[in-house]
């Protein structure tokens, strides 16, 4: 089966989270199917087998389809496709059109999916309310975060809470900012980088777009908890605990949640929807939205290695059984094949 993936490769953030969770996950499809890529900046791959047709804004969707002859068209997120999709994309009706949507909460025009006649939306959070066929396929941790149960030893880890990510005024990060501020005041949050020349901590591939470089230069304070793309998996294993959030409309399990849990690190997070469906019980520690209990719960994790290891081992067991990238890739293949052969879409997670 030939799959044509459409996205703009040169749009990403400074931590490279989009690359691991979305772009690099998508590329794993090439191990199972004949994957072809098309979109702005695909020349960066320098692979004519993977990119048989270079992007040209004058290309119509009809022309692209005739040249590549895919069985399924797979878009990667509204954000990575909406600005450049050919105008006649919505007119393609003889090939199934699917989108892997990880940023539904941040999509301004909720009618976009219906207007473009998508056959299926595979949404990465559990919330999707549009009148378009959809299925929930949660995020997952890349195998680079994998931790063997026998390697979890919190007695040898740093007794602090780590955080890695942005501290910007993004509208959905209100709880995150409050949690960071509260833990900073207690001097139990680590990961902050006060170096004035933070760019030296990055390799060139961490900056996947000119826009990201500009944002970094103008807002270093917002990125004071950023680490490099290659350093991130290693850093997550240094402390006994790491902070996440599900603030605002980020109600589901964000990527950071899976990555922290996969690392054998105790997850300290705001409550998120479907936590029991995904992980069962006692796989993380929840704090209240107003952060009134976050210090007490953080200190319990930091000061009680047996407790923190118990939580972390429960989490690793759940991740290693159900939530690594290869688990999700199997689910994606099953969904795409069901769609192509006209069968019922499998719903492993019930939605």
C-alpha atoms as a PDB file:
ATOM      1  CA  UNK A   1       0.000   0.000   0.000  1.00  0.00           C
ATOM      2  CA  UNK A   2       1.344   3.423  -0.946  1.00  0.00           C
ATOM      3  CA  UNK A   3       0.770   6.282   1.499  1.00  0.00           C
ATOM      4  CA  UNK A   4       1.311   9.924   0.584  1.00  0.00           C
ATOM      5  CA  UNK A   5       2.076  12.022   3.672  1.00  0.00           C
ATOM      6  CA  UNK A   6       1.537  15.772   3.401  1.00  0.00           C
ATOM      7  CA  UNK A   7       3.131  18.242   5.808  1.00  0.00           C
ATOM      8  CA  UNK A   8       5.512  21.191   6.047  1.00  0.00           C
ATOM      9  CA  UNK A   9       8.740  19.801   7.465  1.00  0.00           C
ATOM     10  CA  UNK A  10      10.371  23.109   8.367  1.00  0.00           C
ATOM     11  CA  UNK A  11       7.851  24.065  11.036  1.00  0.00           C
ATOM     12  CA  UNK A  12       8.732  22.965  14.533  1.00  0.00           C
ATOM     13  CA  UNK A  13       9.546  24.161  18.022  1.00  0.00           C
ATOM     14  CA  UNK A  14      12.879  24.688  19.736  1.00  0.00           C
ATOM     15  CA  UNK A  15      12.681  21.530  21.862  1.00  0.00           C
ATOM     16  CA  UNK A  16      11.994  19.391  18.817  1.00  0.00           C
ATOM     17  CA  UNK A  17       8.920  17.893  20.485  1.00  0.00           C
ATOM     18  CA  UNK A  18       7.013  17.960  17.214  1.00  0.00           C
ATOM     19  CA  UNK A  19       9.711  15.919  15.565  1.00  0.00           C
ATOM     20  CA  UNK A  20       9.685  13.036  18.045  1.00  0.00           C
ATOM     21  CA  UNK A  21       5.968  12.908  18.697  1.00  0.00           C
ATOM     22  CA  UNK A  22       4.762  13.530  15.169  1.00  0.00           C
ATOM     23  CA  UNK A  23       7.290  13.747  12.335  1.00  0.00           C
ATOM     24  CA  UNK A  24       9.621  10.935  13.351  1.00  0.00           C
ATOM     25  CA  UNK A  25       6.659   8.782  14.358  1.00  0.00           C
ATOM     26  CA  UNK A  26       5.164   9.253  10.913  1.00  0.00           C
ATOM     27  CA  UNK A  27       8.404   8.213   9.203  1.00  0.00           C
ATOM     28  CA  UNK A  28       8.182   4.820  10.921  1.00  0.00           C
ATOM     29  CA  UNK A  29       5.358   4.051   8.476  1.00  0.00           C
ATOM     30  CA  UNK A  30       8.052   3.513   5.869  1.00  0.00           C
ATOM     31  CA  UNK A  31       8.921   0.226   7.606  1.00  0.00           C
ATOM     32  CA  UNK A  32       5.459  -1.123   6.795  1.00  0.00           C
ATOM     33  CA  UNK A  33       4.271   0.612   3.627  1.00  0.00           C
ATOM     34  CA  UNK A  34       5.536   2.467   0.593  1.00  0.00           C
ATOM     35  CA  UNK A  35       5.672   5.926   2.190  1.00  0.00           C
ATOM     36  CA  UNK A  36       6.005   9.064   0.067  1.00  0.00           C
ATOM     37  CA  UNK A  37       6.383  12.612   1.391  1.00  0.00           C
ATOM     38  CA  UNK A  38       5.272  15.872  -0.180  1.00  0.00           C
ATOM     39  CA  UNK A  39       5.301  19.430   1.103  1.00  0.00           C
ATOM     40  CA  UNK A  40       7.461  22.535   1.556  1.00  0.00           C
ATOM     41  CA  UNK A  41      11.135  21.895   2.387  1.00  0.00           C
ATOM     42  CA  UNK A  42      10.998  18.160   1.676  1.00  0.00           C
ATOM     43  CA  UNK A  43      14.242  18.584  -0.277  1.00  0.00           C
ATOM     44  CA  UNK A  44      15.917  18.465   3.151  1.00  0.00           C
ATOM     45  CA  UNK A  45      15.459  14.686   3.131  1.00  0.00           C
ATOM     46  CA  UNK A  46      17.573  14.347  -0.038  1.00  0.00           C
ATOM     47  CA  UNK A  47      15.891  11.010  -0.788  1.00  0.00           C
ATOM     48  CA  UNK A  48      14.170  10.607  -4.146  1.00  0.00           C
ATOM     49  CA  UNK A  49      12.604   7.325  -3.058  1.00  0.00           C
ATOM     50  CA  UNK A  50      10.941   8.995  -0.078  1.00  0.00           C
ATOM     51  CA  UNK A  51      10.364  12.334  -1.838  1.00  0.00           C
ATOM     52  CA  UNK A  52       9.715  11.538  -5.510  1.00  0.00           C
ATOM     53  CA  UNK A  53       8.198  14.947  -6.255  1.00  0.00           C
ATOM     54  CA  UNK A  54       9.581  18.232  -4.927  1.00  0.00           C
ATOM     55  CA  UNK A  55       7.134  20.830  -3.682  1.00  0.00           C
ATOM     56  CA  UNK A  56       5.960  23.519  -6.063  1.00  0.00           C
ATOM     57  CA  UNK A  57       3.183  25.884  -5.055  1.00  0.00           C
ATOM     58  CA  UNK A  58       1.781  25.692  -8.576  1.00  0.00           C
ATOM     59  CA  UNK A  59       1.170  21.939  -8.281  1.00  0.00           C
ATOM     60  CA  UNK A  60      -2.497  21.034  -8.020  1.00  0.00           C
ATOM     61  CA  UNK A  61      -3.597  18.118  -5.851  1.00  0.00           C
ATOM     62  CA  UNK A  62      -4.816  16.388  -8.991  1.00  0.00           C
ATOM     63  CA  UNK A  63      -1.322  16.629 -10.479  1.00  0.00           C
ATOM     64  CA  UNK A  64       0.333  15.377  -7.267  1.00  0.00           C
ATOM     65  CA  UNK A  65      -1.997  12.383  -7.068  1.00  0.00           C
ATOM     66  CA  UNK A  66      -1.459  11.517 -10.731  1.00  0.00           C
ATOM     67  CA  UNK A  67       2.311  11.635 -10.267  1.00  0.00           C
ATOM     68  CA  UNK A  68       2.569   9.646  -7.018  1.00  0.00           C
ATOM     69  CA  UNK A  69      -0.565   7.455  -7.289  1.00  0.00           C
ATOM     70  CA  UNK A  70      -1.165   6.876  -3.556  1.00  0.00           C
ATOM     71  CA  UNK A  71      -3.758   4.579  -2.010  1.00  0.00           C
ATOM     72  CA  UNK A  72      -4.183   6.824   1.050  1.00  0.00           C
ATOM     73  CA  UNK A  73      -3.403  10.504   1.640  1.00  0.00           C
ATOM     74  CA  UNK A  74      -2.247  11.194   5.203  1.00  0.00           C
ATOM     75  CA  UNK A  75      -1.924  14.769   6.481  1.00  0.00           C
ATOM     76  CA  UNK A  76       0.068  15.549   9.593  1.00  0.00           C
ATOM     77  CA  UNK A  77      -1.812  18.135  11.667  1.00  0.00           C
ATOM     78  CA  UNK A  78      -3.835  21.169  10.651  1.00  0.00           C
ATOM     79  CA  UNK A  79      -0.932  23.415  11.694  1.00  0.00           C
ATOM     80  CA  UNK A  80       1.554  21.672   9.381  1.00  0.00           C
ATOM     81  CA  UNK A  81      -0.709  21.581   6.327  1.00  0.00           C
ATOM     82  CA  UNK A  82      -3.410  24.263   6.237  1.00  0.00           C
ATOM     83  CA  UNK A  83      -1.294  27.130   4.870  1.00  0.00           C
ATOM     84  CA  UNK A  84       0.003  25.364   1.781  1.00  0.00           C
ATOM     85  CA  UNK A  85      -2.444  22.603   0.783  1.00  0.00           C
ATOM     86  CA  UNK A  86      -3.450  22.952  -2.889  1.00  0.00           C
ATOM     87  CA  UNK A  87      -6.832  24.601  -3.368  1.00  0.00           C
ATOM     88  CA  UNK A  88      -8.269  21.506  -5.015  1.00  0.00           C
ATOM     89  CA  UNK A  89      -7.366  19.202  -2.097  1.00  0.00           C
ATOM     90  CA  UNK A  90     -10.996  19.157  -0.982  1.00  0.00           C
ATOM     91  CA  UNK A  91     -12.053  17.940  -4.439  1.00  0.00           C
ATOM     92  CA  UNK A  92     -10.096  14.684  -4.197  1.00  0.00           C
ATOM     93  CA  UNK A  93     -12.751  12.049  -3.628  1.00  0.00           C
ATOM     94  CA  UNK A  94     -11.409   8.795  -5.056  1.00  0.00           C
ATOM     95  CA  UNK A  95      -8.649   8.396  -2.442  1.00  0.00           C
ATOM     96  CA  UNK A  96      -9.157   8.162   1.321  1.00  0.00           C
ATOM     97  CA  UNK A  97      -7.930  11.300   3.108  1.00  0.00           C
ATOM     98  CA  UNK A  98      -6.785  10.978   6.713  1.00  0.00           C
ATOM     99  CA  UNK A  99      -5.257  13.435   9.176  1.00  0.00           C
ATOM    100  CA  UNK A 100      -3.205  12.727  12.295  1.00  0.00           C
ATOM    101  CA  UNK A 101      -4.329  15.618  14.486  1.00  0.00           C
ATOM    102  CA  UNK A 102      -2.297  16.415  17.565  1.00  0.00           C
ATOM    103  CA  UNK A 103      -3.287  20.054  17.994  1.00  0.00           C
ATOM    104  CA  UNK A 104      -7.078  20.047  17.756  1.00  0.00           C
ATOM    105  CA  UNK A 105      -7.336  22.304  20.820  1.00  0.00           C
ATOM    106  CA  UNK A 106      -5.429  25.016  18.935  1.00  0.00           C
ATOM    107  CA  UNK A 107      -7.293  24.873  15.606  1.00  0.00           C
ATOM    108  CA  UNK A 108      -9.147  28.132  14.935  1.00  0.00           C
ATOM    109  CA  UNK A 109     -11.467  26.919  12.189  1.00  0.00           C
ATOM    110  CA  UNK A 110     -13.084  23.755  13.507  1.00  0.00           C
ATOM    111  CA  UNK A 111     -14.931  23.282  10.197  1.00  0.00           C
ATOM    112  CA  UNK A 112     -11.632  22.845   8.357  1.00  0.00           C
ATOM    113  CA  UNK A 113     -11.773  19.040   8.487  1.00  0.00           C
ATOM    114  CA  UNK A 114     -15.277  18.862   7.060  1.00  0.00           C
ATOM    115  CA  UNK A 115     -14.630  21.593   4.485  1.00  0.00           C
ATOM    116  CA  UNK A 116     -11.685  19.584   3.136  1.00  0.00           C
ATOM    117  CA  UNK A 117     -13.678  16.343   3.026  1.00  0.00           C
ATOM    118  CA  UNK A 118     -11.452  14.240   5.251  1.00  0.00           C
ATOM    119  CA  UNK A 119     -12.603  10.633   5.489  1.00  0.00           C
ATOM    120  CA  UNK A 120     -11.094  10.146   8.934  1.00  0.00           C
ATOM    121  CA  UNK A 121      -9.528  12.230  11.697  1.00  0.00           C
ATOM    122  CA  UNK A 122      -7.122  10.313  13.942  1.00  0.00           C
ATOM    123  CA  UNK A 123      -7.009  12.578  16.972  1.00  0.00           C
ATOM    124  CA  UNK A 124      -4.225  12.320  19.542  1.00  0.00           C
ATOM    125  CA  UNK A 125      -6.227  13.640  22.504  1.00  0.00           C
ATOM    126  CA  UNK A 126      -9.563  12.183  23.532  1.00  0.00           C
ATOM    127  CA  UNK A 127     -11.543  15.291  22.610  1.00  0.00           C
ATOM    128  CA  UNK A 128     -12.838  15.747  19.058  1.00  0.00           C
ATOM    129  CA  UNK A 129     -16.336  17.090  18.487  1.00  0.00           C
ATOM    130  CA  UNK A 130     -16.654  17.754  14.763  1.00  0.00           C
ATOM    131  CA  UNK A 131     -19.070  16.100  12.353  1.00  0.00           C
ATOM    132  CA  UNK A 132     -16.312  14.048  10.705  1.00  0.00           C
ATOM    133  CA  UNK A 133     -15.551  10.333  11.265  1.00  0.00           C
ATOM    134  CA  UNK A 134     -12.818  10.103  13.887  1.00  0.00           C
ATOM    135  CA  UNK A 135     -10.917   7.725  16.125  1.00  0.00           C
ATOM    136  CA  UNK A 136      -8.797   8.343  19.215  1.00  0.00           C
ATOM    137  CA  UNK A 137      -5.184   7.192  19.053  1.00  0.00           C
ATOM    138  CA  UNK A 138      -3.268   8.579  22.064  1.00  0.00           C
ATOM    139  CA  UNK A 139       0.263   9.878  21.927  1.00  0.00           C
ATOM    140  CA  UNK A 140       3.112   7.603  22.987  1.00  0.00           C
ATOM    141  CA  UNK A 141       6.744   7.684  24.101  1.00  0.00           C
ATOM    142  CA  UNK A 142       9.473   7.149  21.558  1.00  0.00           C
ATOM    143  CA  UNK A 143      11.644   4.102  22.231  1.00  0.00           C
ATOM    144  CA  UNK A 144      14.544   6.408  23.157  1.00  0.00           C
ATOM    145  CA  UNK A 145      12.761   6.953  26.508  1.00  0.00           C
ATOM    146  CA  UNK A 146      12.423   3.216  27.203  1.00  0.00           C
ATOM    147  CA  UNK A 147      13.371   2.113  30.717  1.00  0.00           C
ATOM    148  CA  UNK A 148      13.789  -1.433  31.955  1.00  0.00           C
ATOM    149  CA  UNK A 149      12.031  -2.051  35.256  1.00  0.00           C
ATOM    150  CA  UNK A 150      15.212  -3.352  36.896  1.00  0.00           C
ATOM    151  CA  UNK A 151      17.026  -0.079  36.142  1.00  0.00           C
ATOM    152  CA  UNK A 152      14.711   2.096  38.249  1.00  0.00           C
ATOM    153  CA  UNK A 153      16.642   3.168  41.347  1.00  0.00           C
ATOM    154  CA  UNK A 154      15.555   6.496  42.807  1.00  0.00           C
ATOM    155  CA  UNK A 155      18.068   6.332  45.642  1.00  0.00           C
ATOM    156  CA  UNK A 156      20.762   7.241  43.113  1.00  0.00           C
ATOM    157  CA  UNK A 157      18.816  10.048  41.452  1.00  0.00           C
ATOM    158  CA  UNK A 158      18.785  13.784  42.155  1.00  0.00           C
ATOM    159  CA  UNK A 159      16.226  14.532  44.877  1.00  0.00           C
ATOM    160  CA  UNK A 160      14.429  17.336  43.067  1.00  0.00           C
ATOM    161  CA  UNK A 161      11.631  17.912  40.566  1.00  0.00           C
ATOM    162  CA  UNK A 162      12.784  18.527  37.014  1.00  0.00           C
ATOM    163  CA  UNK A 163      10.984  20.456  34.317  1.00  0.00           C
ATOM    164  CA  UNK A 164      11.781  20.730  30.624  1.00  0.00           C
ATOM    165  CA  UNK A 165       9.711  22.869  28.289  1.00  0.00           C
ATOM    166  CA  UNK A 166       8.626  26.429  27.644  1.00  0.00           C
ATOM    167  CA  UNK A 167       7.382  28.937  30.211  1.00  0.00           C
ATOM    168  CA  UNK A 168       5.727  31.213  27.670  1.00  0.00           C
ATOM    169  CA  UNK A 169       2.456  33.108  28.000  1.00  0.00           C
ATOM    170  CA  UNK A 170       0.755  30.590  25.709  1.00  0.00           C
ATOM    171  CA  UNK A 171      -2.905  30.613  26.729  1.00  0.00           C
ATOM    172  CA  UNK A 172      -2.975  26.932  27.708  1.00  0.00           C
ATOM    173  CA  UNK A 173       0.058  27.112  30.008  1.00  0.00           C
ATOM    174  CA  UNK A 174      -1.515  28.954  32.931  1.00  0.00           C
ATOM    175  CA  UNK A 175      -1.292  25.983  35.295  1.00  0.00           C
ATOM    176  CA  UNK A 176       2.217  25.175  34.091  1.00  0.00           C
ATOM    177  CA  UNK A 177       3.455  28.685  34.886  1.00  0.00           C
ATOM    178  CA  UNK A 178       1.880  28.597  38.345  1.00  0.00           C
ATOM    179  CA  UNK A 179       3.365  25.179  39.102  1.00  0.00           C
ATOM    180  CA  UNK A 180       6.837  26.303  38.017  1.00  0.00           C
ATOM    181  CA  UNK A 181       6.633  29.496  40.070  1.00  0.00           C
ATOM    182  CA  UNK A 182       5.439  27.614  43.161  1.00  0.00           C
ATOM    183  CA  UNK A 183       8.182  24.983  43.018  1.00  0.00           C
ATOM    184  CA  UNK A 184      10.866  27.565  42.223  1.00  0.00           C
ATOM    185  CA  UNK A 185      10.029  29.452  45.415  1.00  0.00           C
ATOM    186  CA  UNK A 186      10.648  26.265  47.404  1.00  0.00           C
ATOM    187  CA  UNK A 187      13.973  25.652  45.621  1.00  0.00           C
ATOM    188  CA  UNK A 188      12.967  22.125  44.638  1.00  0.00           C
ATOM    189  CA  UNK A 189      12.686  22.629  40.869  1.00  0.00           C
ATOM    190  CA  UNK A 190      15.737  21.947  38.721  1.00  0.00           C
ATOM    191  CA  UNK A 191      16.425  22.219  35.029  1.00  0.00           C
ATOM    192  CA  UNK A 192      16.617  26.001  34.813  1.00  0.00           C
ATOM    193  CA  UNK A 193      19.370  27.278  32.553  1.00  0.00           C
ATOM    194  CA  UNK A 194      20.605  30.764  33.437  1.00  0.00           C
ATOM    195  CA  UNK A 195      23.388  30.855  30.854  1.00  0.00           C
ATOM    196  CA  UNK A 196      23.075  34.079  28.858  1.00  0.00           C
ATOM    197  CA  UNK A 197      24.149  32.311  25.698  1.00  0.00           C
ATOM    198  CA  UNK A 198      21.683  29.435  25.803  1.00  0.00           C
ATOM    199  CA  UNK A 199      22.091  28.676  22.116  1.00  0.00           C
ATOM    200  CA  UNK A 200      25.394  26.927  22.765  1.00  0.00           C
ATOM    201  CA  UNK A 201      23.413  24.115  24.415  1.00  0.00           C
ATOM    202  CA  UNK A 202      21.836  23.260  21.073  1.00  0.00           C
ATOM    203  CA  UNK A 203      23.030  21.438  18.042  1.00  0.00           C
ATOM    204  CA  UNK A 204      21.894  22.881  14.734  1.00  0.00           C
ATOM    205  CA  UNK A 205      19.201  20.252  14.238  1.00  0.00           C
ATOM    206  CA  UNK A 206      17.377  21.423  17.355  1.00  0.00           C
ATOM    207  CA  UNK A 207      16.428  24.575  15.491  1.00  0.00           C
ATOM    208  CA  UNK A 208      14.250  23.161  12.757  1.00  0.00           C
ATOM    209  CA  UNK A 209      13.080  26.501  11.423  1.00  0.00           C
ATOM    210  CA  UNK A 210      14.144  30.113  11.067  1.00  0.00           C
ATOM    211  CA  UNK A 211      11.037  31.065  13.039  1.00  0.00           C
ATOM    212  CA  UNK A 212      12.204  28.967  15.988  1.00  0.00           C
ATOM    213  CA  UNK A 213      15.598  30.672  15.975  1.00  0.00           C
ATOM    214  CA  UNK A 214      13.961  34.085  16.036  1.00  0.00           C
ATOM    215  CA  UNK A 215      11.622  33.094  18.869  1.00  0.00           C
ATOM    216  CA  UNK A 216      14.567  31.764  20.850  1.00  0.00           C
ATOM    217  CA  UNK A 217      16.587  34.946  20.444  1.00  0.00           C
ATOM    218  CA  UNK A 218      13.713  37.207  21.478  1.00  0.00           C
ATOM    219  CA  UNK A 219      12.298  35.170  24.361  1.00  0.00           C
ATOM    220  CA  UNK A 220      15.154  33.463  26.179  1.00  0.00           C
ATOM    221  CA  UNK A 221      13.355  33.787  29.502  1.00  0.00           C
ATOM    222  CA  UNK A 222      10.455  31.737  28.123  1.00  0.00           C
ATOM    223  CA  UNK A 223      12.874  28.958  27.197  1.00  0.00           C
ATOM    224  CA  UNK A 224      14.974  28.888  30.347  1.00  0.00           C
ATOM    225  CA  UNK A 225      13.962  25.252  30.933  1.00  0.00           C
ATOM    226  CA  UNK A 226      14.771  24.074  27.405  1.00  0.00           C
ATOM    227  CA  UNK A 227      17.317  21.327  26.804  1.00  0.00           C
ATOM    228  CA  UNK A 228      18.696  20.003  23.546  1.00  0.00           C
ATOM    229  CA  UNK A 229      16.967  17.420  21.397  1.00  0.00           C
ATOM    230  CA  UNK A 230      19.547  14.732  22.166  1.00  0.00           C
ATOM    231  CA  UNK A 231      19.887  15.701  25.840  1.00  0.00           C
ATOM    232  CA  UNK A 232      16.180  15.580  26.645  1.00  0.00           C
ATOM    233  CA  UNK A 233      15.772  11.770  27.053  1.00  0.00           C
ATOM    234  CA  UNK A 234      18.881  11.607  29.259  1.00  0.00           C
ATOM    235  CA  UNK A 235      17.834  14.593  31.379  1.00  0.00           C
ATOM    236  CA  UNK A 236      14.447  13.025  32.128  1.00  0.00           C
ATOM    237  CA  UNK A 237      16.186  10.164  33.937  1.00  0.00           C
ATOM    238  CA  UNK A 238      18.293  12.333  36.273  1.00  0.00           C
ATOM    239  CA  UNK A 239      15.738  13.351  38.940  1.00  0.00           C
ATOM    240  CA  UNK A 240      13.265  11.279  40.928  1.00  0.00           C
ATOM    241  CA  UNK A 241      10.376  13.415  39.688  1.00  0.00           C
ATOM    242  CA  UNK A 242       9.421  15.520  36.681  1.00  0.00           C
ATOM    243  CA  UNK A 243       6.661  18.083  36.208  1.00  0.00           C
ATOM    244  CA  UNK A 244       3.952  18.167  33.575  1.00  0.00           C
ATOM    245  CA  UNK A 245       0.569  19.832  33.226  1.00  0.00           C
ATOM    246  CA  UNK A 246      -2.707  19.499  31.364  1.00  0.00           C
ATOM    247  CA  UNK A 247      -3.831  23.067  31.834  1.00  0.00           C
ATOM    248  CA  UNK A 248      -6.450  25.064  29.977  1.00  0.00           C
ATOM    249  CA  UNK A 249      -7.876  22.981  27.169  1.00  0.00           C
ATOM    250  CA  UNK A 250      -4.962  20.553  27.222  1.00  0.00           C
ATOM    251  CA  UNK A 251      -7.192  18.146  29.101  1.00  0.00           C
ATOM    252  CA  UNK A 252      -5.747  14.929  27.755  1.00  0.00           C
ATOM    253  CA  UNK A 253      -2.422  13.188  28.155  1.00  0.00           C
ATOM    254  CA  UNK A 254       0.155  15.425  26.469  1.00  0.00           C
ATOM    255  CA  UNK A 255       3.373  14.001  25.047  1.00  0.00           C
ATOM    256  CA  UNK A 256       5.447  14.987  28.065  1.00  0.00           C
ATOM    257  CA  UNK A 257       3.324  12.701  30.258  1.00  0.00           C
ATOM    258  CA  UNK A 258       4.244   9.590  28.265  1.00  0.00           C
ATOM    259  CA  UNK A 259       7.904  10.600  28.039  1.00  0.00           C
ATOM    260  CA  UNK A 260       8.282  11.180  31.789  1.00  0.00           C
ATOM    261  CA  UNK A 261       6.538   7.931  32.698  1.00  0.00           C
ATOM    262  CA  UNK A 262       8.605   5.951  30.185  1.00  0.00           C
ATOM    263  CA  UNK A 263      11.790   7.312  31.774  1.00  0.00           C
ATOM    264  CA  UNK A 264      11.223   5.642  35.135  1.00  0.00           C
ATOM    265  CA  UNK A 265      10.661   9.087  36.638  1.00  0.00           C
ATOM    266  CA  UNK A 266       7.711   9.853  38.909  1.00  0.00           C
ATOM    267  CA  UNK A 267       5.245  12.052  37.055  1.00  0.00           C
ATOM    268  CA  UNK A 268       3.832  15.048  38.944  1.00  0.00           C
ATOM    269  CA  UNK A 269       0.963  16.455  36.915  1.00  0.00           C
ATOM    270  CA  UNK A 270      -2.370  18.155  36.942  1.00  0.00           C
ATOM    271  CA  UNK A 271      -5.309  15.772  36.515  1.00  0.00           C
ATOM    272  CA  UNK A 272      -5.918  14.802  32.879  1.00  0.00           C
ATOM    273  CA  UNK A 273      -8.867  13.070  31.261  1.00  0.00           C
ATOM    274  CA  UNK A 274      -8.900   9.311  30.653  1.00  0.00           C
ATOM    275  CA  UNK A 275      -5.925   8.720  32.951  1.00  0.00           C
ATOM    276  CA  UNK A 276      -7.358   5.422  34.228  1.00  0.00           C
ATOM    277  CA  UNK A 277      -8.176   4.197  30.713  1.00  0.00           C
ATOM    278  CA  UNK A 278      -4.605   4.842  29.634  1.00  0.00           C
ATOM    279  CA  UNK A 279      -2.581   3.921  32.704  1.00  0.00           C
ATOM    280  CA  UNK A 280      -4.747   2.439  35.435  1.00  0.00           C
ATOM    281  CA  UNK A 281      -4.183   3.460  39.057  1.00  0.00           C
ATOM    282  CA  UNK A 282      -1.222   4.920  40.956  1.00  0.00           C
ATOM    283  CA  UNK A 283       0.978   5.552  37.937  1.00  0.00           C
ATOM    284  CA  UNK A 284       1.515   9.239  38.698  1.00  0.00           C
ATOM    285  CA  UNK A 285       0.881  11.895  41.346  1.00  0.00           C
ATOM    286  CA  UNK A 286      -1.800  14.515  40.681  1.00  0.00           C
ATOM    287  CA  UNK A 287      -1.734  18.082  41.972  1.00  0.00           C
ATOM    288  CA  UNK A 288      -4.653  20.517  42.087  1.00  0.00           C
ATOM    289  CA  UNK A 289      -5.184  23.132  39.411  1.00  0.00           C
ATOM    290  CA  UNK A 290      -4.489  25.930  41.906  1.00  0.00           C
ATOM    291  CA  UNK A 291      -1.241  24.167  42.941  1.00  0.00           C
ATOM    292  CA  UNK A 292      -2.229  24.409  46.605  1.00  0.00           C
ATOM    293  CA  UNK A 293      -0.947  20.884  47.257  1.00  0.00           C
ATOM    294  CA  UNK A 294       1.920  20.679  44.789  1.00  0.00           C
ATOM    295  CA  UNK A 295       4.735  21.416  47.273  1.00  0.00           C
ATOM    296  CA  UNK A 296       3.515  18.822  49.768  1.00  0.00           C
ATOM    297  CA  UNK A 297       3.205  16.162  47.078  1.00  0.00           C
ATOM    298  CA  UNK A 298       6.535  17.050  45.512  1.00  0.00           C
ATOM    299  CA  UNK A 299       8.315  16.752  48.864  1.00  0.00           C
ATOM    300  CA  UNK A 300       6.702  13.351  49.478  1.00  0.00           C
ATOM    301  CA  UNK A 301       8.123  12.099  46.171  1.00  0.00           C
ATOM    302  CA  UNK A 302      11.540  13.645  46.786  1.00  0.00           C
ATOM    303  CA  UNK A 303      11.925  12.376  50.363  1.00  0.00           C
ATOM    304  CA  UNK A 304      10.468   8.868  50.034  1.00  0.00           C
ATOM    305  CA  UNK A 305      12.384   6.788  47.485  1.00  0.00           C
ATOM    306  CA  UNK A 306      10.268   3.688  48.077  1.00  0.00           C
ATOM    307  CA  UNK A 307       7.108   5.660  47.328  1.00  0.00           C
ATOM    308  CA  UNK A 308       8.497   7.349  44.229  1.00  0.00           C
ATOM    309  CA  UNK A 309       9.879   4.064  42.877  1.00  0.00           C
ATOM    310  CA  UNK A 310       6.520   2.367  43.413  1.00  0.00           C
ATOM    311  CA  UNK A 311       4.747   5.025  41.339  1.00  0.00           C
ATOM    312  CA  UNK A 312       7.455   5.032  38.671  1.00  0.00           C
ATOM    313  CA  UNK A 313       7.453   1.241  38.298  1.00  0.00           C
ATOM    314  CA  UNK A 314       3.679   1.182  37.870  1.00  0.00           C
ATOM    315  CA  UNK A 315       4.070   3.800  35.153  1.00  0.00           C
ATOM    316  CA  UNK A 316       6.876   1.987  33.340  1.00  0.00           C
ATOM    317  CA  UNK A 317       4.876  -1.237  33.373  1.00  0.00           C
ATOM    318  CA  UNK A 318       1.920   0.536  31.725  1.00  0.00           C
ATOM    319  CA  UNK A 319       4.123   2.315  29.179  1.00  0.00           C
ATOM    320  CA  UNK A 320       6.077  -0.782  28.186  1.00  0.00           C
ATOM    321  CA  UNK A 321       2.861  -2.751  27.686  1.00  0.00           C
ATOM    322  CA  UNK A 322       0.816  -0.186  25.792  1.00  0.00           C
ATOM    323  CA  UNK A 323       2.394   3.209  25.130  1.00  0.00           C
ATOM    324  CA  UNK A 324       5.653   3.048  23.200  1.00  0.00           C
ATOM    325  CA  UNK A 325       5.821   4.294  19.627  1.00  0.00           C
ATOM    326  CA  UNK A 326       5.814   0.802  18.151  1.00  0.00           C
ATOM    327  CA  UNK A 327       2.521   0.038  19.945  1.00  0.00           C
ATOM    328  CA  UNK A 328       0.986   3.116  18.401  1.00  0.00           C
ATOM    329  CA  UNK A 329       2.405   2.341  14.965  1.00  0.00           C
ATOM    330  CA  UNK A 330       0.663  -1.048  15.016  1.00  0.00           C
ATOM    331  CA  UNK A 331      -2.578   0.726  15.899  1.00  0.00           C
ATOM    332  CA  UNK A 332      -2.086   3.220  13.072  1.00  0.00           C
ATOM    333  CA  UNK A 333      -1.436   0.454  10.536  1.00  0.00           C
ATOM    334  CA  UNK A 334      -4.586  -1.369  11.648  1.00  0.00           C
ATOM    335  CA  UNK A 335      -6.626   1.823  11.275  1.00  0.00           C
ATOM    336  CA  UNK A 336      -5.275   2.642   7.811  1.00  0.00           C
ATOM    337  CA  UNK A 337      -5.791  -0.893   6.527  1.00  0.00           C
ATOM    338  CA  UNK A 338      -9.347  -1.006   7.855  1.00  0.00           C
ATOM    339  CA  UNK A 339     -10.101   2.276   6.100  1.00  0.00           C
ATOM    340  CA  UNK A 340      -8.529   1.146   2.823  1.00  0.00           C
ATOM    341  CA  UNK A 341     -10.343  -2.204   2.769  1.00  0.00           C
ATOM    342  CA  UNK A 342     -13.678  -0.762   3.875  1.00  0.00           C
ATOM    343  CA  UNK A 343     -13.765  -2.468   7.275  1.00  0.00           C
ATOM    344  CA  UNK A 344     -14.856  -1.089  10.638  1.00  0.00           C
ATOM    345  CA  UNK A 345     -12.240   1.213  12.156  1.00  0.00           C
ATOM    346  CA  UNK A 346     -10.637  -0.497  15.195  1.00  0.00           C
ATOM    347  CA  UNK A 347     -11.072   1.510  18.389  1.00  0.00           C
ATOM    348  CA  UNK A 348      -8.540   0.173  20.860  1.00  0.00           C
ATOM    349  CA  UNK A 349      -9.141   3.080  23.227  1.00  0.00           C
ATOM    350  CA  UNK A 350     -12.921   3.090  22.899  1.00  0.00           C
ATOM    351  CA  UNK A 351     -13.445   6.380  21.039  1.00  0.00           C
END
